N, C-alpha and C. Protein backbone atom coordinates (compact mmCIF):
# COMPACT_ATOMS: atom_id res chain seq x y z
N MET A 1 8.31 -14.81 -22.20
CA MET A 1 8.84 -14.31 -20.95
C MET A 1 7.75 -13.52 -20.21
N ILE A 2 7.57 -13.81 -18.94
CA ILE A 2 6.58 -13.10 -18.13
C ILE A 2 7.20 -11.82 -17.59
N THR A 3 6.48 -10.72 -17.74
CA THR A 3 6.92 -9.45 -17.16
C THR A 3 5.84 -8.97 -16.20
N TYR A 4 6.25 -8.13 -15.28
CA TYR A 4 5.34 -7.67 -14.24
C TYR A 4 5.26 -6.15 -14.24
N GLU A 5 4.15 -5.66 -13.74
CA GLU A 5 4.00 -4.23 -13.49
C GLU A 5 3.77 -4.05 -11.99
N TYR A 6 4.14 -2.89 -11.48
CA TYR A 6 4.04 -2.63 -10.04
C TYR A 6 3.24 -1.36 -9.79
N LYS A 7 2.60 -1.35 -8.65
CA LYS A 7 1.81 -0.19 -8.24
C LYS A 7 2.13 0.10 -6.78
N PHE A 8 2.31 1.36 -6.45
CA PHE A 8 2.65 1.78 -5.10
C PHE A 8 1.51 2.64 -4.56
N VAL A 9 0.98 2.25 -3.40
CA VAL A 9 -0.14 2.97 -2.79
C VAL A 9 0.30 3.42 -1.41
N ARG A 10 0.29 4.72 -1.18
CA ARG A 10 0.71 5.29 0.10
C ARG A 10 -0.50 5.52 0.98
N LEU A 11 -0.42 5.06 2.22
CA LEU A 11 -1.51 5.23 3.19
C LEU A 11 -1.02 5.96 4.43
N GLY A 12 -1.88 6.80 4.96
CA GLY A 12 -1.62 7.41 6.25
C GLY A 12 -0.83 8.69 6.24
N GLU A 13 -0.38 9.13 5.10
CA GLU A 13 0.40 10.37 5.07
C GLU A 13 -0.53 11.55 5.24
N GLY A 14 -0.16 12.47 6.07
CA GLY A 14 -1.01 13.64 6.27
C GLY A 14 -0.48 14.52 7.38
N ARG A 15 -1.28 15.48 7.74
CA ARG A 15 -0.89 16.42 8.79
C ARG A 15 -0.68 15.67 10.09
N GLY A 16 0.42 15.91 10.72
CA GLY A 16 0.70 15.31 12.01
C GLY A 16 1.37 13.95 11.93
N SER A 17 1.30 13.27 10.80
CA SER A 17 1.91 11.94 10.74
C SER A 17 3.43 12.00 10.83
N ALA A 18 4.01 13.10 10.41
CA ALA A 18 5.47 13.23 10.51
C ALA A 18 5.93 13.31 11.95
N ILE A 19 5.05 13.75 12.83
CA ILE A 19 5.41 13.87 14.25
C ILE A 19 4.88 12.69 15.05
N PHE A 20 3.60 12.39 14.90
CA PHE A 20 2.95 11.41 15.76
C PHE A 20 2.76 10.04 15.13
N GLY A 21 3.02 9.91 13.83
CA GLY A 21 2.82 8.63 13.15
C GLY A 21 1.44 8.54 12.54
N VAL A 22 1.17 7.43 11.91
CA VAL A 22 -0.09 7.21 11.20
C VAL A 22 -1.20 6.93 12.21
N ARG A 23 -2.36 7.52 11.98
CA ARG A 23 -3.52 7.29 12.86
C ARG A 23 -4.05 5.88 12.67
N ALA A 24 -4.55 5.29 13.73
CA ALA A 24 -5.00 3.90 13.73
C ALA A 24 -6.08 3.63 12.68
N ARG A 25 -7.01 4.54 12.50
CA ARG A 25 -8.09 4.28 11.54
C ARG A 25 -7.58 4.24 10.11
N LYS A 26 -6.52 5.00 9.82
CA LYS A 26 -5.93 4.96 8.48
C LYS A 26 -5.18 3.65 8.27
N VAL A 27 -4.57 3.14 9.31
CA VAL A 27 -3.87 1.86 9.19
C VAL A 27 -4.88 0.75 8.90
N LYS A 28 -6.02 0.77 9.55
CA LYS A 28 -7.04 -0.26 9.33
C LYS A 28 -7.61 -0.19 7.92
N ALA A 29 -7.53 0.94 7.28
CA ALA A 29 -8.07 1.09 5.92
C ALA A 29 -7.29 0.27 4.90
N TYR A 30 -6.11 -0.19 5.27
CA TYR A 30 -5.31 -0.95 4.31
C TYR A 30 -6.01 -2.23 3.86
N GLN A 31 -6.82 -2.82 4.72
CA GLN A 31 -7.50 -4.07 4.37
C GLN A 31 -8.41 -3.89 3.16
N SER A 32 -9.17 -2.83 3.13
CA SER A 32 -10.06 -2.60 1.99
C SER A 32 -9.25 -2.27 0.74
N VAL A 33 -8.12 -1.59 0.90
CA VAL A 33 -7.26 -1.28 -0.25
C VAL A 33 -6.71 -2.57 -0.85
N VAL A 34 -6.26 -3.50 0.00
CA VAL A 34 -5.72 -4.77 -0.49
C VAL A 34 -6.81 -5.57 -1.20
N GLU A 35 -7.99 -5.64 -0.61
CA GLU A 35 -9.09 -6.39 -1.23
C GLU A 35 -9.48 -5.80 -2.58
N GLU A 36 -9.55 -4.48 -2.65
CA GLU A 36 -9.91 -3.81 -3.90
C GLU A 36 -8.90 -4.11 -5.00
N HIS A 37 -7.63 -4.04 -4.67
CA HIS A 37 -6.59 -4.29 -5.66
C HIS A 37 -6.53 -5.77 -6.05
N ALA A 38 -6.81 -6.67 -5.12
CA ALA A 38 -6.83 -8.11 -5.43
C ALA A 38 -7.91 -8.42 -6.46
N GLN A 39 -9.03 -7.74 -6.37
CA GLN A 39 -10.12 -7.94 -7.34
C GLN A 39 -9.71 -7.48 -8.74
N GLN A 40 -8.72 -6.60 -8.80
CA GLN A 40 -8.24 -6.09 -10.09
C GLN A 40 -7.02 -6.87 -10.58
N GLY A 41 -6.69 -7.96 -9.88
CA GLY A 41 -5.58 -8.81 -10.32
C GLY A 41 -4.24 -8.49 -9.69
N TRP A 42 -4.18 -7.55 -8.76
CA TRP A 42 -2.93 -7.19 -8.11
C TRP A 42 -2.66 -8.12 -6.94
N ARG A 43 -1.39 -8.37 -6.66
CA ARG A 43 -0.95 -9.18 -5.53
C ARG A 43 -0.08 -8.31 -4.63
N LEU A 44 -0.41 -8.29 -3.33
CA LEU A 44 0.40 -7.52 -2.37
C LEU A 44 1.73 -8.23 -2.18
N VAL A 45 2.83 -7.51 -2.40
CA VAL A 45 4.14 -8.13 -2.24
C VAL A 45 4.91 -7.58 -1.05
N GLN A 46 4.59 -6.35 -0.63
CA GLN A 46 5.32 -5.79 0.50
C GLN A 46 4.60 -4.57 1.07
N VAL A 47 4.74 -4.41 2.38
CA VAL A 47 4.30 -3.18 3.05
C VAL A 47 5.57 -2.52 3.56
N PHE A 48 5.80 -1.29 3.13
CA PHE A 48 7.01 -0.56 3.45
C PHE A 48 6.65 0.61 4.33
N ALA A 49 7.36 0.80 5.43
CA ALA A 49 7.09 1.90 6.36
C ALA A 49 8.35 2.76 6.52
N PRO A 50 8.61 3.64 5.56
CA PRO A 50 9.82 4.46 5.64
C PRO A 50 9.68 5.60 6.64
N GLY A 51 10.80 6.00 7.17
CA GLY A 51 10.82 7.14 8.08
C GLY A 51 10.09 6.88 9.38
N MET A 52 10.56 7.44 10.43
CA MET A 52 9.94 7.25 11.73
C MET A 52 9.57 8.59 12.34
N ALA A 53 8.40 8.62 12.91
CA ALA A 53 7.95 9.78 13.67
C ALA A 53 8.45 9.60 15.11
N ILE A 54 8.04 10.48 15.98
CA ILE A 54 8.44 10.31 17.38
C ILE A 54 7.78 9.05 17.92
N TYR A 55 8.32 8.49 18.95
CA TYR A 55 7.83 7.27 19.58
C TYR A 55 7.97 6.05 18.66
N GLY A 56 8.75 6.15 17.58
CA GLY A 56 9.00 5.02 16.71
C GLY A 56 7.89 4.66 15.75
N ALA A 57 6.87 5.50 15.63
CA ALA A 57 5.75 5.23 14.73
C ALA A 57 6.14 5.56 13.29
N ALA A 58 5.58 4.83 12.34
CA ALA A 58 5.84 5.10 10.93
C ALA A 58 5.12 6.38 10.51
N LYS A 59 5.75 7.15 9.62
CA LYS A 59 5.13 8.37 9.09
C LYS A 59 4.00 8.03 8.12
N TYR A 60 4.17 6.95 7.38
CA TYR A 60 3.16 6.46 6.44
C TYR A 60 3.54 5.02 6.08
N TYR A 61 2.62 4.36 5.40
CA TYR A 61 2.87 3.02 4.90
C TYR A 61 2.71 3.03 3.39
N GLU A 62 3.58 2.32 2.71
CA GLU A 62 3.46 2.20 1.27
C GLU A 62 3.23 0.72 0.95
N LEU A 63 2.12 0.43 0.29
CA LEU A 63 1.78 -0.92 -0.11
C LEU A 63 2.27 -1.12 -1.53
N ILE A 64 2.98 -2.21 -1.77
CA ILE A 64 3.53 -2.48 -3.09
C ILE A 64 2.81 -3.70 -3.67
N PHE A 65 2.19 -3.49 -4.82
CA PHE A 65 1.44 -4.54 -5.50
C PHE A 65 2.13 -4.89 -6.81
N GLU A 66 1.93 -6.14 -7.26
CA GLU A 66 2.42 -6.53 -8.57
C GLU A 66 1.38 -7.40 -9.27
N ARG A 67 1.45 -7.42 -10.59
CA ARG A 67 0.66 -8.33 -11.40
C ARG A 67 1.36 -8.52 -12.73
N GLU A 68 1.04 -9.61 -13.39
CA GLU A 68 1.62 -9.86 -14.70
C GLU A 68 1.12 -8.80 -15.67
N ARG A 69 1.97 -8.36 -16.55
CA ARG A 69 1.54 -7.40 -17.57
C ARG A 69 0.47 -8.06 -18.42
N GLY A 70 -0.56 -7.30 -18.73
CA GLY A 70 -1.67 -7.82 -19.50
C GLY A 70 -2.77 -8.42 -18.62
N ALA A 71 -2.52 -8.54 -17.31
CA ALA A 71 -3.53 -9.10 -16.41
C ALA A 71 -4.75 -8.19 -16.31
N ALA A 72 -4.58 -6.92 -16.55
CA ALA A 72 -5.71 -5.98 -16.49
C ALA A 72 -6.75 -6.33 -17.55
N ASP A 73 -6.30 -6.93 -18.65
CA ASP A 73 -7.22 -7.31 -19.73
C ASP A 73 -8.10 -8.49 -19.33
N THR A 74 -7.61 -9.32 -18.38
CA THR A 74 -8.35 -10.52 -17.99
C THR A 74 -9.01 -10.40 -16.63
N ALA A 75 -8.75 -9.31 -15.89
CA ALA A 75 -9.34 -9.13 -14.56
C ALA A 75 -10.84 -8.86 -14.71
N PRO A 76 -11.64 -9.36 -13.72
CA PRO A 76 -13.10 -9.15 -13.80
C PRO A 76 -13.49 -7.70 -13.70
């Protein structure tokens, strides 16, 4: 039976994000986070943006990754 493990990475949370939302440069940083985790065998399954700041902006983004258990042993 295949089992999976999950990892949650929060981006953009910080001072002012609760009011004004996540800053653009922090949002762009997600690409390098995804690439880094992919090299370790993780697969991006969802981007979650809970809570809203003013103007409808997300307070932060949470990236959800998964991989098969034991994949860390075979990752480069």
